[in-house]
Amino acid sequence: MEKLATEVQIQAPFITLGQLLKEESIIATGGQAKWFLRENTVLVNEEPDDRRGRKLYPGDIIAVPSGERFVINGTGASAN
């Protein structure tokens, strides 16, 4: 049975992958993001991505090795 994704609310137009990992307590500090992404496969919209600065926008789905999944949900500025 597939786990439901945890919704991550953002107020800005985007959040970076490194910020997400820290805010969701997957890593303890922002400085660990580079190491974590080098050592672990993180999927963004089902594609591997190891860029801590990767911009995540509402609707993006992130999966980490522990099996946790996150979906970005936000009220940030629209791209219009």
Protein backbone atom coordinates (compact mmCIF):
# COMPACT_ATOMS: atom_id res chain seq x y z
CA MET A 1 0.00 0.00 0.00
CA GLU A 2 1.45 3.34 -1.06
CA LYS A 3 1.86 6.02 1.59
CA LEU A 4 0.08 9.30 1.06
CA ALA A 5 2.28 12.29 0.40
CA THR A 6 2.72 14.87 3.16
CA GLU A 7 1.62 18.32 2.03
CA VAL A 8 4.25 21.02 2.45
CA GLN A 9 2.72 24.50 2.58
CA ILE A 10 4.84 27.34 1.20
CA GLN A 11 4.13 31.06 1.13
CA ALA A 12 6.82 31.95 -1.42
CA PRO A 13 6.62 31.07 -5.12
CA PHE A 14 9.06 28.17 -4.54
CA ILE A 15 11.19 26.34 -1.95
CA THR A 16 14.56 24.76 -2.66
CA LEU A 17 15.18 21.04 -2.28
CA GLY A 18 17.72 21.74 0.48
CA GLN A 19 15.19 23.86 2.39
CA LEU A 20 12.57 21.14 2.09
CA LEU A 21 14.93 18.47 3.45
CA LYS A 22 15.74 20.66 6.46
CA GLU A 23 12.18 21.81 7.16
CA GLU A 24 10.88 18.24 7.05
CA SER A 25 13.67 17.10 9.44
CA ILE A 26 15.23 14.72 6.92
CA ILE A 27 18.53 16.50 7.62
CA ALA A 28 19.45 18.47 10.74
CA THR A 29 21.14 21.44 9.07
CA GLY A 30 21.16 23.04 5.66
CA GLY A 31 24.85 22.22 5.36
CA GLN A 32 24.05 18.51 5.28
CA ALA A 33 21.97 18.83 2.08
CA LYS A 34 24.91 18.53 -0.31
CA TRP A 35 26.19 15.35 1.37
CA PHE A 36 22.70 13.84 1.71
CA LEU A 37 21.90 14.41 -1.98
CA ARG A 38 25.26 12.95 -3.04
CA GLU A 39 24.72 9.79 -0.97
CA ASN A 40 20.96 9.28 -1.49
CA THR A 41 18.61 9.20 -4.46
CA VAL A 42 15.88 11.82 -4.12
CA LEU A 43 13.16 11.89 -6.77
CA VAL A 44 11.51 15.11 -7.89
CA ASN A 45 8.47 14.35 -10.04
CA GLU A 46 9.80 10.78 -10.46
CA GLU A 47 13.19 11.98 -11.78
CA PRO A 48 16.42 11.70 -9.73
CA ASP A 49 17.74 15.13 -8.71
CA ASP A 50 20.78 15.92 -6.57
CA ARG A 51 20.71 19.73 -6.73
CA ARG A 52 20.09 21.25 -3.30
CA GLY A 53 19.14 24.51 -5.03
CA ARG A 54 16.49 22.82 -7.20
CA LYS A 55 13.41 25.03 -7.09
CA LEU A 56 10.26 23.20 -6.05
CA TYR A 57 6.91 24.68 -7.04
CA PRO A 58 3.33 23.89 -6.01
CA GLY A 59 2.37 20.51 -7.45
CA ASP A 60 5.90 19.07 -7.38
CA ILE A 61 6.21 15.66 -5.72
CA ILE A 62 9.37 14.67 -3.87
CA ALA A 63 10.27 11.14 -2.72
CA VAL A 64 13.14 10.39 -0.32
CA PRO A 65 14.86 7.04 0.36
CA SER A 66 12.96 6.43 3.63
CA GLY A 67 9.79 6.07 1.57
CA GLU A 68 8.41 9.44 2.60
CA ARG A 69 6.77 11.52 -0.08
CA PHE A 70 6.03 15.22 -0.07
CA VAL A 71 3.88 17.39 -2.30
CA ILE A 72 4.41 21.13 -2.50
CA ASN A 73 1.27 23.15 -1.91
CA GLY A 74 1.43 26.89 -1.77
CA THR A 75 -0.17 30.25 -2.06
CA GLY A 76 2.92 32.00 -3.34
CA ALA A 77 2.96 34.44 -6.21
CA SER A 78 1.64 33.01 -9.44
CA ALA A 79 3.75 32.84 -12.58
CA ASN A 80 1.31 35.04 -14.51
